[in-house]
Amino acid sequence: MVVGSNLSSQTMSESSLLEIYVSTDIETDGPVAGKHSMLSIGSAAYLADKELLGTFSANLETLPASVPDPKTAAWWATQPQAWSACRQNPEAPAVALKRYVAWLKAFGGRPVFVGYPAAFDFSFVYWYLTEFTGENPFGYSAIDIKTYAMALLRKPYRACGKQSMPSEWFDPVSHTHVALDDAIEQGQLFCNMLKANVGAQPAARV
């Protein structure tokens, strides 16, 4: 996407209305934002036609007053490679989140958070954005993939886990518990679901 002073007001308006689906996965040391720390964040920005516009990832320093949740710590003990990946070169949250906001704004469209489950991941991202940057480019625009599956499959929510989804919704990628890897994986899943629902819809380019 190229933005310059020679763009017409109509073109710029169309650009600002373009939805950017920001598939996001986080890793934490507990279930409650603020009480526990977000250790890593990975985001992959997609258009509706599954074009990957860019990615973002950062490992974060833990919050000074936070204490890891014992159950979460026990789970991390079973995932040594993923734990090692999320503890490499951690940044101060204020530095990483300001960089994240700049990355989101650079696309020029309207970012829509996509998560699995969005109720968990978005709660941390929302808290960290407001705490360390004072702004949240997503607003309250968040899509939960499992809820979207519920609508497509016309089944009860708890019957719409990944094991119940059609195989053609999945690309051949692994779930590694590394934030960026999983953000890309679930972004591809979401775009495949979107295509199944509304068909391929190439986004307008500017």
Protein backbone atom coordinates (compact mmCIF):
# COMPACT_ATOMS: atom_id res chain seq x y z
CA MET A 1 0.00 0.00 0.00
CA VAL A 2 1.45 3.32 -1.04
CA VAL A 3 0.33 6.49 0.66
CA GLY A 4 1.35 9.89 -0.65
CA SER A 5 0.15 13.44 -1.05
CA ASN A 6 -0.99 12.78 -4.61
CA LEU A 7 -3.75 10.37 -3.53
CA SER A 8 -7.31 11.57 -4.06
CA SER A 9 -9.53 12.12 -1.06
CA GLN A 10 -11.74 9.23 -2.24
CA THR A 11 -8.77 6.87 -2.44
CA MET A 12 -7.56 7.89 1.00
CA SER A 13 -11.07 7.40 2.38
CA GLU A 14 -11.23 3.89 0.89
CA SER A 15 -7.85 3.09 2.42
CA SER A 16 -8.98 4.22 5.86
CA LEU A 17 -12.04 1.97 5.66
CA LEU A 18 -10.09 -1.14 4.67
CA GLU A 19 -10.30 -3.82 7.35
CA ILE A 20 -6.99 -5.37 8.36
CA TYR A 21 -7.43 -8.70 10.16
CA VAL A 22 -4.69 -8.85 12.78
CA SER A 23 -4.37 -12.44 13.93
CA THR A 24 -2.70 -12.29 17.33
CA ASP A 25 -1.36 -14.85 19.74
CA ILE A 26 0.22 -14.17 23.12
CA GLU A 27 2.10 -16.16 25.72
CA THR A 28 1.75 -15.34 29.40
CA ASP A 29 2.77 -16.53 32.84
CA GLY A 30 -0.79 -16.56 34.13
CA PRO A 31 -4.45 -15.98 33.25
CA VAL A 32 -5.08 -12.40 34.44
CA ALA A 33 -3.77 -9.30 32.65
CA GLY A 34 -1.98 -6.92 35.00
CA LYS A 35 -1.75 -9.50 37.76
CA HIS A 36 0.29 -11.73 35.46
CA SER A 37 2.68 -10.82 32.65
CA MET A 38 2.45 -11.10 28.90
CA LEU A 39 5.69 -12.81 27.93
CA SER A 40 5.39 -12.64 24.15
CA ILE A 41 3.14 -11.23 21.44
CA GLY A 42 2.93 -12.21 17.79
CA SER A 43 0.64 -10.68 15.17
CA ALA A 44 0.09 -11.37 11.48
CA ALA A 45 -1.88 -8.80 9.47
CA TYR A 46 -4.07 -10.20 6.68
CA LEU A 47 -6.45 -8.86 4.10
CA ALA A 48 -9.71 -10.74 3.55
CA ASP A 49 -8.22 -12.52 0.52
CA LYS A 50 -5.52 -14.03 2.76
CA GLU A 51 -2.74 -11.71 1.61
CA LEU A 52 -0.22 -11.40 4.44
CA LEU A 53 0.66 -7.73 4.80
CA GLY A 54 3.23 -8.08 7.56
CA THR A 55 4.11 -9.56 10.92
CA PHE A 56 5.08 -8.29 14.36
CA SER A 57 6.66 -10.10 17.29
CA ALA A 58 8.19 -9.13 20.60
CA ASN A 59 9.21 -10.79 23.84
CA LEU A 60 8.46 -8.71 26.91
CA GLU A 61 10.04 -8.20 30.29
CA THR A 62 7.77 -9.29 33.13
CA LEU A 63 5.81 -6.74 35.16
CA PRO A 64 7.70 -5.69 38.32
CA ALA A 65 4.91 -6.59 40.75
CA SER A 66 3.58 -9.69 38.99
CA VAL A 67 3.93 -13.25 40.25
CA PRO A 68 3.71 -16.24 37.86
CA ASP A 69 0.68 -18.46 38.24
CA PRO A 70 1.77 -21.89 39.57
CA LYS A 71 -0.40 -23.88 37.15
CA THR A 72 0.89 -21.88 34.19
CA ALA A 73 4.47 -22.31 35.38
CA ALA A 74 3.93 -26.08 35.58
CA TRP A 75 2.63 -26.09 31.99
CA TRP A 76 5.63 -24.08 30.79
CA ALA A 77 7.89 -26.72 32.33
CA THR A 78 6.52 -29.14 29.71
CA GLN A 79 7.33 -26.74 26.84
CA PRO A 80 11.07 -26.01 27.10
CA GLN A 81 11.56 -24.94 23.46
CA ALA A 82 8.62 -22.55 23.46
CA TRP A 83 9.70 -21.16 26.84
CA SER A 84 13.21 -20.54 25.53
CA ALA A 85 11.80 -18.80 22.45
CA CYS A 86 9.64 -16.39 24.45
CA ARG A 87 12.47 -15.42 26.83
CA GLN A 88 15.02 -14.38 24.19
CA ASN A 89 15.87 -10.66 24.07
CA PRO A 90 12.89 -9.37 26.08
CA GLU A 91 11.98 -5.69 25.68
CA ALA A 92 10.47 -3.25 28.15
CA PRO A 93 6.68 -3.37 27.61
CA ALA A 94 6.48 0.38 26.95
CA VAL A 95 9.06 0.12 24.17
CA ALA A 96 7.53 -2.96 22.53
CA LEU A 97 3.93 -1.77 22.71
CA LYS A 98 4.71 1.65 21.24
CA ARG A 99 6.43 -0.14 18.39
CA TYR A 100 3.35 -2.32 18.03
CA VAL A 101 1.02 0.68 17.78
CA ALA A 102 3.21 2.21 15.08
CA TRP A 103 3.16 -1.09 13.18
CA LEU A 104 -0.65 -1.28 13.36
CA LYS A 105 -1.09 2.29 12.17
CA ALA A 106 1.31 1.87 9.25
CA PHE A 107 -1.25 -0.23 7.32
CA GLY A 108 -3.61 2.71 7.05
CA GLY A 109 -6.79 0.65 7.44
CA ARG A 110 -8.93 -0.34 10.38
CA PRO A 111 -7.32 -3.12 12.42
CA VAL A 112 -9.58 -5.92 13.62
CA PHE A 113 -8.19 -8.21 16.31
CA VAL A 114 -8.52 -11.93 15.56
CA GLY A 115 -7.83 -14.41 18.35
CA TYR A 116 -8.38 -17.96 19.56
CA PRO A 117 -9.67 -17.45 22.17
CA ALA A 118 -10.08 -13.70 21.73
CA ALA A 119 -11.44 -13.36 25.28
CA PHE A 120 -8.01 -14.31 26.64
CA ASP A 121 -5.55 -12.82 24.16
CA PHE A 122 -7.41 -9.53 23.68
CA SER A 123 -7.71 -8.96 27.43
CA PHE A 124 -3.91 -8.87 27.73
CA VAL A 125 -3.33 -6.86 24.56
CA TYR A 126 -5.99 -4.31 25.58
CA TRP A 127 -4.52 -3.95 29.07
CA TYR A 128 -0.94 -3.60 27.83
CA LEU A 129 -1.87 -1.10 25.12
CA THR A 130 -3.80 1.17 27.45
CA GLU A 131 -1.28 0.81 30.29
CA PHE A 132 1.87 1.45 28.27
CA THR A 133 0.77 3.53 25.28
CA GLY A 134 -2.46 5.20 26.36
CA GLU A 135 -4.23 4.12 23.17
CA ASN A 136 -5.77 1.06 21.58
CA PRO A 137 -6.01 1.09 17.75
CA PHE A 138 -8.38 -1.90 17.84
CA GLY A 139 -11.01 -0.20 19.95
CA TYR A 140 -13.35 -3.07 20.80
CA SER A 141 -13.12 -4.70 17.36
CA ALA A 142 -12.24 -8.32 18.12
CA ILE A 143 -13.26 -11.56 16.41
CA ASP A 144 -13.15 -14.88 18.23
CA ILE A 145 -12.40 -17.70 15.76
CA LYS A 146 -14.36 -20.32 17.70
CA THR A 147 -17.42 -18.07 17.80
CA TYR A 148 -17.11 -17.52 14.06
CA ALA A 149 -16.93 -21.31 13.62
CA MET A 150 -20.12 -21.62 15.69
CA ALA A 151 -21.94 -19.39 13.19
CA LEU A 152 -20.57 -21.23 10.16
CA LEU A 153 -21.13 -24.74 11.49
CA ARG A 154 -24.45 -23.91 13.17
CA LYS A 155 -23.51 -25.89 16.22
CA PRO A 156 -23.30 -25.06 19.94
CA TYR A 157 -20.19 -23.12 20.93
CA ARG A 158 -18.58 -25.95 22.86
CA ALA A 159 -18.99 -28.26 19.87
CA CYS A 160 -16.94 -25.97 17.62
CA GLY A 161 -13.35 -26.61 18.67
CA LYS A 162 -10.65 -27.23 16.08
CA GLN A 163 -11.31 -30.97 16.15
CA SER A 164 -14.83 -30.28 14.84
CA MET A 165 -13.80 -27.92 12.04
CA PRO A 166 -13.57 -29.10 8.41
CA SER A 167 -10.09 -30.16 7.34
CA GLU A 168 -10.16 -27.75 4.38
CA TRP A 169 -10.09 -24.82 6.79
CA PHE A 170 -6.58 -25.75 7.91
CA ASP A 171 -3.28 -25.10 6.17
CA PRO A 172 -0.42 -27.57 6.79
CA VAL A 173 1.31 -25.62 9.56
CA SER A 174 2.20 -26.60 13.11
CA HIS A 175 1.03 -25.14 16.42
CA THR A 176 4.30 -24.46 18.25
CA HIS A 177 3.28 -22.22 21.18
CA VAL A 178 5.64 -19.60 19.72
CA ALA A 179 3.47 -16.50 19.46
CA LEU A 180 4.22 -15.46 15.89
CA ASP A 181 4.03 -19.02 14.54
CA ASP A 182 0.62 -19.49 16.10
CA ALA A 183 -0.60 -16.06 14.98
CA ILE A 184 0.20 -16.97 11.37
CA GLU A 185 -1.43 -20.38 11.76
CA GLN A 186 -4.68 -19.03 13.15
CA GLY A 187 -4.70 -16.13 10.67
CA GLN A 188 -4.64 -18.61 7.82
CA LEU A 189 -7.43 -20.56 9.51
CA PHE A 190 -9.55 -17.42 9.88
CA CYS A 191 -9.06 -16.37 6.24
CA ASN A 192 -10.02 -19.87 5.08
CA MET A 193 -13.17 -19.63 7.19
CA LEU A 194 -13.88 -16.18 5.79
CA LYS A 195 -13.59 -17.56 2.25
CA ALA A 196 -15.93 -20.43 3.10
CA ASN A 197 -18.47 -17.92 4.38
CA VAL A 198 -18.35 -15.09 1.83
CA GLY A 199 -16.05 -16.36 -0.94
CA ALA A 200 -12.79 -14.85 -2.09
CA GLN A 201 -13.05 -11.08 -1.82
CA PRO A 202 -9.87 -9.36 -3.06
CA ALA A 203 -9.46 -6.07 -1.24
CA ALA A 204 -9.19 -2.81 -3.14
CA ARG A 205 -5.63 -1.56 -3.52
CA VAL A 206 -4.39 2.00 -3.29
